[in-house]
Protein backbone atom coordinates (compact mmCIF):
# COMPACT_ATOMS: atom_id res chain seq x y z
CA MET A 1 8.99 -9.78 -11.90
CA HIS A 2 6.72 -7.04 -11.61
CA ILE A 3 4.34 -6.70 -9.18
CA ALA A 4 1.09 -4.18 -9.16
CA ILE A 5 -1.24 -3.67 -6.18
CA LEU A 6 -4.02 -1.74 -6.80
CA GLY A 7 -4.76 0.54 -3.47
CA ASN A 8 -2.48 2.32 -1.11
CA GLY A 9 -4.43 1.64 2.16
CA ILE A 10 -3.46 -0.43 5.33
CA ALA A 11 -3.47 -3.51 3.06
CA GLY A 12 -2.02 -2.60 -0.19
CA ILE A 13 1.18 -0.88 1.66
CA THR A 14 1.72 -3.49 4.32
CA ALA A 15 2.01 -5.88 1.55
CA ALA A 16 4.22 -3.40 -0.59
CA ARG A 17 6.41 -2.92 2.42
CA PHE A 18 6.82 -6.93 3.01
CA ILE A 19 7.25 -7.83 -0.21
CA ARG A 20 10.07 -5.20 -0.84
CA LYS A 21 11.43 -6.82 2.72
CA LEU A 22 11.17 -10.15 1.03
CA SER A 23 12.38 -9.81 -2.78
CA ASP A 24 14.06 -7.62 -5.20
CA HIS A 25 10.93 -7.51 -7.40
CA ASP A 26 9.78 -4.12 -8.89
CA ILE A 27 6.74 -2.49 -7.33
CA THR A 28 3.88 0.02 -8.46
CA VAL A 29 1.53 0.77 -5.92
CA ILE A 30 -1.61 2.73 -7.84
CA SER A 31 -3.76 4.95 -6.23
CA ALA A 32 -6.49 7.93 -7.10
CA GLU A 33 -7.06 9.14 -3.73
CA THR A 34 -3.82 10.50 -2.68
CA ASP A 35 0.23 10.31 -3.49
CA HIS A 36 1.02 8.80 -0.21
CA PHE A 37 -0.54 6.56 2.31
CA PHE A 38 -2.17 8.07 5.34
CA SER A 39 -3.63 6.60 8.12
CA ARG A 40 -7.24 6.87 7.38
CA THR A 41 -8.56 6.53 11.19
CA ALA A 42 -6.57 9.86 11.46
CA LEU A 43 -9.21 11.84 9.37
CA MET A 44 -11.46 13.00 12.26
CA TYR A 45 -8.26 14.28 14.23
CA ILE A 46 -7.07 16.85 11.27
CA TYR A 47 -10.70 18.13 10.89
CA MET A 48 -10.21 18.71 14.67
CA GLY A 49 -7.19 20.78 14.36
CA HIS A 50 -4.91 17.95 16.61
CA LEU A 51 -2.98 16.72 13.57
CA ARG A 52 -2.04 18.23 9.91
CA TYR A 53 -2.42 15.88 7.09
CA GLU A 54 1.48 15.34 7.03
CA ASP A 55 1.11 14.03 10.46
CA THR A 56 -0.63 11.48 9.43
CA LYS A 57 1.54 9.67 7.05
CA PRO A 58 3.53 6.90 8.93
CA TYR A 59 6.33 7.26 6.73
CA GLU A 60 8.66 9.94 5.28
CA ASP A 61 7.97 11.53 1.22
CA TRP A 62 11.51 9.85 0.72
CA PHE A 63 10.63 6.37 2.20
CA TRP A 64 9.08 4.94 -1.18
CA GLU A 65 12.28 5.89 -2.88
CA LYS A 66 14.64 4.56 -0.91
CA ASN A 67 12.74 1.20 -0.75
CA ARG A 68 12.02 1.37 -4.35
CA ILE A 69 8.28 1.34 -4.57
CA ASN A 70 6.85 3.40 -7.06
CA LEU A 71 3.79 5.31 -6.35
CA LEU A 72 1.36 5.82 -9.28
CA ARG A 73 -1.44 8.31 -8.86
CA ALA A 74 -4.38 7.03 -11.33
CA TYR A 75 -7.41 5.79 -11.14
CA ILE A 76 -7.98 2.58 -12.65
CA GLU A 77 -11.10 1.78 -15.02
CA ARG A 78 -10.62 -1.41 -16.74
CA ILE A 79 -8.64 -4.65 -15.81
CA ASP A 80 -7.57 -7.04 -19.00
CA PHE A 81 -6.40 -9.93 -17.08
CA ASP A 82 -5.68 -12.38 -20.11
CA ASN A 83 -2.96 -9.68 -20.72
CA LYS A 84 -2.12 -8.77 -17.57
CA LYS A 85 -2.48 -4.75 -17.84
CA LEU A 86 -4.36 -2.41 -15.87
CA TYR A 87 -5.61 0.96 -17.79
CA GLY A 88 -6.23 3.90 -16.16
CA SER A 89 -8.68 6.97 -16.92
CA GLN A 90 -6.22 9.40 -18.40
CA GLY A 91 -4.83 6.70 -20.62
CA GLU A 92 -2.39 4.93 -18.23
CA GLU A 93 -1.22 1.54 -19.06
CA VAL A 94 0.45 -0.78 -16.77
CA ALA A 95 1.76 -4.14 -17.12
CA TYR A 96 2.38 -6.27 -14.43
CA ASP A 97 3.40 -10.17 -13.34
CA LYS A 98 1.23 -10.49 -10.20
CA LEU A 99 -1.74 -8.15 -9.19
CA LEU A 100 -3.04 -7.56 -5.54
CA LEU A 101 -6.28 -6.19 -5.57
CA ALA A 102 -6.51 -3.94 -2.30
CA THR A 103 -8.97 -1.05 -3.28
CA GLY A 104 -10.66 -1.13 -0.15
CA SER A 105 -14.46 -0.12 1.10
CA ALA A 106 -16.69 2.58 -0.32
CA PRO A 107 -19.43 4.02 1.59
CA ASN A 108 -23.32 2.83 1.37
CA LYS A 109 -26.17 4.56 -0.18
CA PHE A 110 -29.48 3.31 -0.72
CA GLY A 111 -30.81 5.48 -3.67
CA TRP A 112 -32.08 8.13 -1.25
CA PRO A 113 -33.56 11.25 -3.00
CA GLY A 114 -31.26 14.05 -2.94
CA GLN A 115 -28.24 11.82 -1.91
CA GLY A 116 -26.20 13.36 -4.43
CA LEU A 117 -26.26 17.10 -3.60
CA GLN A 118 -23.84 18.96 -3.02
CA GLY A 119 -23.15 19.06 0.89
CA VAL A 120 -23.69 15.58 1.27
CA GLY A 121 -20.90 13.06 1.76
CA GLY A 122 -19.22 10.29 3.67
CA LEU A 123 -16.27 9.79 5.82
CA TYR A 124 -13.86 7.51 4.07
CA SER A 125 -11.83 9.21 1.95
CA TYR A 126 -9.32 12.13 1.96
CA GLN A 127 -11.67 14.00 -0.52
CA ASP A 128 -14.51 12.91 2.11
CA LEU A 129 -12.73 15.22 4.19
CA GLN A 130 -12.19 18.16 2.13
CA ASN A 131 -15.68 18.02 0.97
CA MET A 132 -16.67 18.52 4.92
CA GLU A 133 -14.32 21.16 4.84
CA ARG A 134 -15.40 22.76 2.13
CA PHE A 135 -19.15 23.48 3.61
CA SER A 136 -18.32 23.69 7.50
CA ASP A 137 -18.05 27.69 7.33
CA GLY A 138 -20.92 28.79 8.27
CA LEU A 139 -22.80 25.71 8.93
CA GLN A 140 -25.46 26.02 10.87
CA ARG A 141 -26.62 22.46 11.49
CA ALA A 142 -25.40 19.19 9.94
CA VAL A 143 -27.21 16.06 10.17
CA ILE A 144 -25.76 12.89 10.38
CA VAL A 145 -27.36 9.23 9.27
CA GLY A 146 -25.92 5.90 10.78
CA GLY A 147 -25.49 4.50 13.69
CA GLY A 148 -21.93 2.97 13.46
CA LEU A 149 -18.49 4.01 14.59
CA ILE A 150 -18.13 6.39 11.51
CA GLY A 151 -21.56 7.84 12.31
CA ILE A 152 -19.99 9.01 16.02
CA GLU A 153 -16.70 10.17 14.22
CA MET A 154 -18.14 12.39 12.14
CA ALA A 155 -20.91 13.78 15.00
CA GLU A 156 -17.81 14.27 17.29
CA MET A 157 -15.97 16.15 14.22
CA PHE A 158 -18.91 19.10 14.07
CA HIS A 159 -19.22 18.79 17.93
CA SER A 160 -15.78 19.95 17.98
CA ARG A 161 -16.29 23.69 16.22
CA HIS A 162 -19.46 23.97 17.88
CA ILE A 163 -21.70 23.18 14.98
CA PRO A 164 -24.96 21.55 15.90
CA VAL A 165 -25.48 18.09 15.34
CA THR A 166 -28.61 15.83 14.52
CA PHE A 167 -27.55 12.45 14.37
CA LEU A 168 -30.02 9.70 12.88
CA VAL A 169 -30.11 6.34 13.93
CA ARG A 170 -32.87 3.71 12.45
CA GLU A 171 -31.78 1.00 15.37
CA GLU A 172 -33.84 1.39 18.47
CA SER A 173 -30.34 2.13 20.28
CA TYR A 174 -26.53 3.41 19.21
CA TRP A 175 -25.13 0.11 17.44
CA ASP A 176 -27.21 -2.30 18.98
CA MET A 177 -26.47 -5.12 16.42
CA VAL A 178 -22.94 -4.71 17.84
CA LEU A 179 -22.98 -3.57 21.83
CA PRO A 180 -24.68 -5.38 24.43
CA PRO A 181 -27.69 -3.42 25.39
CA GLU A 182 -26.23 -2.05 28.46
CA GLU A 183 -23.23 -0.53 26.70
CA SER A 184 -25.80 0.54 23.84
CA ALA A 185 -27.60 2.32 26.35
CA MET A 186 -24.39 3.79 28.09
CA VAL A 187 -23.26 5.74 24.70
CA ASN A 188 -26.86 6.59 23.83
CA ARG A 189 -26.77 8.52 27.26
CA TYR A 190 -23.27 9.86 26.71
CA ILE A 191 -23.68 11.26 22.98
CA ARG A 192 -27.09 12.88 24.56
CA GLU A 193 -24.63 14.31 27.61
CA ALA A 194 -22.54 15.91 25.04
CA GLY A 195 -25.10 18.08 23.57
CA ILE A 196 -25.73 16.17 19.83
CA ASP A 197 -29.11 15.70 19.06
CA LEU A 198 -29.54 11.68 19.07
CA ARG A 199 -32.45 10.47 17.14
CA LEU A 200 -33.22 6.75 17.54
CA SER A 201 -35.59 4.96 15.80
CA THR A 202 -35.47 7.08 12.84
CA GLU A 203 -34.89 6.98 9.13
CA LEU A 204 -33.99 9.12 6.61
CA LYS A 205 -36.74 9.45 3.62
CA GLU A 206 -35.31 12.48 1.54
CA ILE A 207 -32.59 14.95 1.57
CA VAL A 208 -34.11 18.28 0.02
CA ASP A 209 -32.61 20.49 -2.35
CA ASP A 210 -32.14 23.95 -1.95
CA GLY A 211 -32.71 25.11 -5.88
CA HIS A 212 -28.96 25.29 -6.80
CA GLY A 213 -28.09 21.38 -6.25
CA ARG A 214 -27.14 22.08 -2.55
CA ALA A 215 -28.68 20.41 0.44
CA CYS A 216 -30.65 22.40 2.74
CA ALA A 217 -32.73 19.84 4.74
CA VAL A 218 -33.69 16.22 5.47
CA ILE A 219 -37.33 14.56 5.68
CA THR A 220 -37.20 11.67 8.29
CA GLY A 221 -39.31 8.77 7.82
CA SER A 222 -41.95 10.40 9.93
CA GLY A 223 -42.02 13.05 7.46
CA GLU A 224 -40.45 15.72 9.90
CA ARG A 225 -37.94 18.37 7.94
CA ILE A 226 -35.08 19.18 9.78
CA GLU A 227 -32.91 22.21 8.31
CA CYS A 228 -29.46 21.60 7.96
CA GLY A 229 -26.51 22.53 5.69
CA TYR A 230 -24.42 19.02 5.17
CA VAL A 231 -25.67 15.75 5.24
CA GLY A 232 -23.11 13.10 6.63
CA LEU A 233 -24.07 9.29 5.02
CA THR A 234 -22.05 6.99 7.20
CA ALA A 235 -24.85 4.14 7.17
CA GLY A 236 -21.56 1.82 7.06
CA VAL A 237 -19.48 0.84 3.83
CA HIS A 238 -19.24 -1.76 1.17
CA PRO A 239 -16.16 -3.59 -0.73
CA ASN A 240 -14.98 -1.07 -3.56
CA ILE A 241 -15.51 -3.25 -6.50
CA GLY A 242 -17.92 -2.08 -8.79
CA PHE A 243 -15.39 -1.74 -11.64
CA LEU A 244 -14.94 -5.73 -11.27
CA LYS A 245 -17.94 -6.59 -11.69
CA ASN A 246 -19.22 -8.35 -15.00
CA THR A 247 -15.47 -9.60 -15.40
CA ALA A 248 -14.06 -12.93 -15.24
CA LEU A 249 -13.12 -12.22 -11.61
CA GLU A 250 -15.51 -14.11 -9.73
CA THR A 251 -17.25 -11.67 -6.79
CA ASP A 252 -19.98 -11.64 -4.31
CA LYS A 253 -20.18 -8.70 -2.33
CA GLY A 254 -16.45 -8.50 -2.35
CA ILE A 255 -13.53 -10.58 -4.33
CA LEU A 256 -13.54 -13.89 -3.51
CA ALA A 257 -10.28 -15.04 -2.13
CA ASN A 258 -9.06 -18.74 -0.88
CA ASP A 259 -7.52 -19.43 2.17
CA PHE A 260 -4.14 -17.97 0.47
CA LEU A 261 -5.63 -14.93 -0.31
CA GLU A 262 -5.66 -16.08 -4.05
CA THR A 263 -8.61 -15.42 -6.42
CA ASN A 264 -10.01 -17.52 -9.35
CA ILE A 265 -7.64 -16.05 -11.73
CA PRO A 266 -4.10 -16.88 -11.85
CA ASP A 267 -1.43 -14.37 -10.24
CA VAL A 268 -4.30 -12.05 -9.10
CA TYR A 269 -4.50 -11.83 -5.47
CA THR A 270 -6.81 -9.71 -2.99
CA ALA A 271 -6.40 -8.40 0.78
CA GLY A 272 -7.95 -5.79 3.45
CA ASP A 273 -11.74 -4.03 3.09
CA CYS A 274 -12.37 -5.63 -0.72
CA MET A 275 -11.80 -9.08 0.00
CA GLN A 276 -14.42 -11.74 0.61
CA LEU A 277 -13.13 -15.08 2.06
CA ARG A 278 -14.68 -17.96 0.81
CA ASN A 279 -13.65 -20.27 3.96
CA PRO A 280 -13.99 -17.73 6.71
CA ARG A 281 -12.45 -19.13 10.41
CA PRO A 282 -15.13 -20.04 12.91
CA GLY A 283 -16.73 -17.24 14.40
CA ARG A 284 -15.26 -14.49 11.96
CA ARG A 285 -17.35 -12.60 9.06
CA ALA A 286 -16.08 -13.24 5.02
CA ILE A 287 -15.77 -9.53 4.91
CA GLU A 288 -14.39 -7.41 8.04
CA ALA A 289 -13.44 -3.70 7.00
CA VAL A 290 -11.14 -3.31 10.02
CA TRP A 291 -7.67 -1.92 10.20
CA TYR A 292 -5.70 -4.46 11.45
CA THR A 293 -7.25 -7.48 9.79
CA GLY A 294 -6.47 -5.34 6.93
CA ARG A 295 -2.40 -5.26 7.73
CA MET A 296 -2.30 -8.81 8.34
CA ALA A 297 -3.87 -9.59 4.89
CA GLY A 298 -1.47 -7.40 3.31
CA GLU A 299 1.64 -9.33 5.15
CA THR A 300 0.01 -12.63 4.57
CA ALA A 301 -0.40 -11.39 0.75
CA ALA A 302 2.89 -10.34 0.56
CA TYR A 303 4.35 -14.06 1.76
CA ASN A 304 2.34 -15.95 -0.94
CA ILE A 305 3.24 -13.57 -3.94
CA CYS A 306 6.92 -14.04 -3.20
CA LEU A 307 6.55 -17.82 -2.43
CA SER A 308 4.64 -18.22 -5.92
CA CYS A 309 7.43 -15.91 -7.72
CA GLY A 310 9.75 -19.03 -6.50
CA ILE A 311 11.89 -17.03 -4.55
CA SER A 312 12.65 -17.92 -0.82
CA THR A 313 14.49 -16.08 1.96
CA GLY A 314 15.52 -16.84 5.35
CA ASN A 315 11.90 -14.48 6.09
CA ILE A 316 9.62 -17.23 4.00
CA PRO A 317 9.52 -20.98 5.11
CA GLN A 318 11.78 -22.71 3.31
CA ASP A 319 9.54 -25.50 2.70
CA GLY A 320 8.02 -23.43 -0.07
CA LYS A 321 4.60 -24.00 1.68
CA LYS A 322 1.45 -21.09 0.99
CA ILE A 323 0.73 -19.19 4.12
CA PRO A 324 -3.07 -19.14 5.32
CA TYR A 325 -4.39 -16.04 6.36
CA ASP A 326 -5.16 -16.39 9.78
CA PRO A 327 -6.92 -13.39 11.47
CA GLY A 328 -6.89 -14.34 15.12
CA ILE A 329 -8.90 -14.03 18.29
CA TRP A 330 -11.32 -11.04 17.29
CA PHE A 331 -10.37 -7.43 18.39
CA ASN A 332 -11.72 -3.90 17.90
CA SER A 333 -11.16 -0.61 19.78
CA ALA A 334 -12.76 2.68 18.99
CA LYS A 335 -14.02 5.63 21.13
CA PHE A 336 -17.21 7.31 21.71
CA ILE A 337 -16.45 10.56 22.03
CA ASP A 338 -14.69 10.33 25.13
CA ILE A 339 -15.48 6.60 26.16
CA GLU A 340 -12.93 4.21 24.93
CA TYR A 341 -14.10 0.93 23.80
CA GLN A 342 -12.34 -2.62 23.26
CA VAL A 343 -13.75 -5.85 22.60
CA TYR A 344 -11.77 -8.92 22.28
CA GLY A 345 -12.92 -12.59 21.73
CA ASP A 346 -16.76 -13.32 21.19
CA VAL A 347 -18.87 -10.41 22.71
CA GLN A 348 -22.21 -10.56 21.08
CA ALA A 349 -25.19 -8.56 21.32
CA ASP A 350 -27.84 -11.38 20.99
CA PRO A 351 -26.05 -14.03 22.93
CA PRO A 352 -26.59 -17.85 22.40
CA GLU A 353 -27.80 -19.58 25.29
CA ASN A 354 -24.54 -21.13 26.40
CA HIS A 355 -23.03 -17.75 26.98
CA ALA A 356 -23.12 -16.02 30.42
CA SER A 357 -21.58 -12.99 31.33
CA ILE A 358 -20.82 -10.87 34.14
CA TYR A 359 -21.45 -7.17 33.73
CA TRP A 360 -20.27 -4.29 35.89
CA GLU A 361 -21.11 -0.27 35.60
CA HIS A 362 -19.31 2.02 37.03
CA PRO A 363 -21.84 4.68 39.12
CA ASP A 364 -20.87 7.24 36.79
CA GLY A 365 -22.35 5.60 33.88
CA ARG A 366 -19.13 5.71 31.56
CA LYS A 367 -17.27 2.83 32.58
CA SER A 368 -18.09 -0.74 32.32
CA ILE A 369 -16.39 -4.07 32.39
CA ARG A 370 -18.13 -7.08 30.70
CA LEU A 371 -16.60 -10.77 30.85
CA VAL A 372 -18.34 -13.58 28.57
CA TYR A 373 -17.79 -17.16 29.56
CA ASP A 374 -19.27 -20.39 28.60
CA LYS A 375 -22.16 -21.20 30.93
CA GLU A 376 -21.72 -25.19 30.82
CA LYS A 377 -18.00 -25.42 30.46
CA GLY A 378 -16.99 -22.44 32.37
CA HIS A 379 -14.19 -21.00 29.89
CA ILE A 380 -13.72 -17.29 28.80
CA LEU A 381 -15.17 -16.35 25.52
CA GLY A 382 -15.07 -12.70 25.78
CA PHE A 383 -13.87 -9.20 27.35
CA ASN A 384 -16.07 -6.10 26.35
CA LEU A 385 -14.54 -3.19 27.88
CA MET A 386 -15.93 0.63 28.32
CA GLY A 387 -13.88 3.53 29.66
CA VAL A 388 -11.26 0.86 31.12
CA ARG A 389 -8.13 -0.67 29.50
CA TYR A 390 -6.97 -4.17 29.57
CA ARG A 391 -3.98 -5.40 27.87
CA HIS A 392 -4.26 -7.08 24.50
CA GLU A 393 -2.02 -9.69 24.65
CA VAL A 394 -3.22 -10.98 28.14
CA CYS A 395 -6.81 -11.20 27.49
CA GLU A 396 -5.57 -13.21 23.93
CA LYS A 397 -3.89 -15.51 25.86
CA TRP A 398 -6.59 -16.40 28.12
CA ILE A 399 -9.57 -16.79 25.32
CA ARG A 400 -6.85 -18.89 23.34
CA GLU A 401 -6.29 -21.06 26.47
CA LYS A 402 -9.77 -21.36 27.38
CA THR A 403 -9.40 -20.35 30.82
CA HIS A 404 -11.69 -20.96 33.11
CA ILE A 405 -13.67 -17.99 34.38
CA GLU A 406 -12.59 -17.90 37.81
CA GLU A 407 -8.98 -18.01 37.18
CA VAL A 408 -9.50 -15.14 35.07
CA LEU A 409 -11.35 -13.33 37.55
CA GLN A 410 -8.68 -13.76 40.41
CA ASN A 411 -5.96 -12.76 38.10
CA LEU A 412 -7.16 -9.44 36.76
CA GLY A 413 -4.82 -7.24 38.05
CA ILE A 414 -2.29 -8.29 35.30
CA ALA A 415 -5.06 -7.69 32.52
CA ASN A 416 -5.04 -3.65 33.84
CA PHE A 417 -3.04 -1.71 31.59
CA ASP A 418 -1.47 0.61 33.77
CA PRO A 419 -2.48 0.21 37.46
CA GLU A 420 -0.14 2.79 38.58
CA PHE A 421 -1.82 5.44 37.24
CA TYR A 422 -5.73 3.76 36.64
CA ASP A 423 -8.22 3.32 39.14
CA GLU A 424 -8.94 -0.29 39.04
CA TYR A 425 -12.18 -1.80 39.45
CA ASP A 426 -11.28 -6.06 39.96
CA GLU A 427 -12.52 -6.22 43.21
CA GLU A 428 -15.77 -4.86 42.11
CA VAL A 429 -16.26 -7.42 38.83
CA VAL A 430 -15.32 -10.32 41.56
CA ARG A 431 -18.06 -9.10 43.89
CA MET A 432 -20.13 -9.30 41.04
CA TYR A 433 -19.86 -12.75 40.12
CA ASN A 434 -19.89 -14.12 43.82
CA GLU A 435 -23.53 -12.27 43.95
CA GLN A 436 -24.61 -14.17 40.49
CA THR A 437 -23.25 -17.80 41.35
CA GLY A 438 -22.86 -17.64 45.36
CA ARG A 439 -19.10 -18.38 45.01
CA SER A 440 -16.70 -16.61 47.72
CA LEU A 441 -13.82 -16.04 45.07
CA ARG A 442 -11.29 -13.68 46.15
CA LEU A 443 -8.44 -11.62 44.02
CA LYS A 444 -5.08 -12.90 44.04
CA LYS A 445 -2.24 -10.74 44.62
CA ARG A 446 -2.12 -8.05 41.98
CA ARG A 447 0.99 -8.33 39.87
CA GLY A 448 0.92 -5.08 37.25
CA LEU A 449 3.51 -4.93 34.51
CA ALA A 450 5.67 -7.02 35.70
CA GLY A 451 3.43 -9.60 36.46
CA ALA A 452 1.71 -9.52 33.06
CA LEU A 453 5.13 -9.92 31.29
CA ARG A 454 5.71 -12.98 33.41
CA PHE A 455 2.29 -14.36 32.62
CA LEU A 456 3.07 -13.96 28.78
CA LYS A 457 6.55 -15.22 29.56
CA LEU A 458 8.11 -12.26 27.95
């Protein structure tokens, strides 16, 4: 049995590893980006000089041959689903019995004049990093378009080399479709304090050609011209499925998949950024371009592919039932230059009527804690943390078990990630709740790591 995996990102590689753990099938991973899997989230640290490219590869180059996972560097242009064959741009032809489509994302472009010029690029692929490097020597100014996580990463990258950056964000506040107003305002302040020229409520109209096919300036929606030698387009991503349109494969924005990550074509599965769930779990999106969901989807696809082959090991349920994809409770983490960000559960920028929250912000304006809970029933819904770390497992357990907000508040000490070395702000958060509600809650004894382990029954 030959299983072909198109894409060597986190979803595709996780699937390959688990298929090998579960079976002796032939596996081929195909990618046109790089020879080996690397950590995409570490691209910025290569540019900033913290890591070398080889340091971003989670596995040594010998790992693949040792584990009998074949790697093919090829750009697949066409898939013949009827005859189960993949066709590459250089004449490659790969036959498969089972196929996993894990083609990832591609940067959004909105038809801006000049978006195809030299000195214009995103920050998604290794080639994007090489493009940035190519134009960085002697660069006088970069302009970044798009106010999401990739945009602030690119701004930090240029800033680390003392290259002036202008950051165009069309929204009224940074990432305000995700962050609540107070947290968004905090990031606005910090971006500016760091010396980055943040322009809110500003859209890109045109990228100017210097007459030799290279970007030399941008024109904003208000008509302002900003001179620059590089334009970073970071206005989000979309599923990388252009070559699959107008085929027998059912697609919408992404590749449509059922709960078991099966597509409408027999023996064809999908996982990662390119997949669009037909029936996403309540509170989850149909498309989630997040590292950890790609990993979880890759593992789920691997189990179901192996089950479909009629092989059941001690690691696969003996009842032969397919395993549905379950991403669990939402979480994410990021870094806004030096401010670490964590979110667990349901924290919305524009919350519904039944959501209440306690928000505490440190006087330095660079740390905050937000606890969201159900206004009527009182149980915890989510945590939003800026510059403060809480234990993932503890927060998830509270959310999953619908723990009452007051019990959470009284036991915040067990959520603190490292109470021995980090300041704790539990008392301030409880005081804020008491002021809002007229209650007189008090913290229970702080129990640190040992208490957290007992709480989690580990």
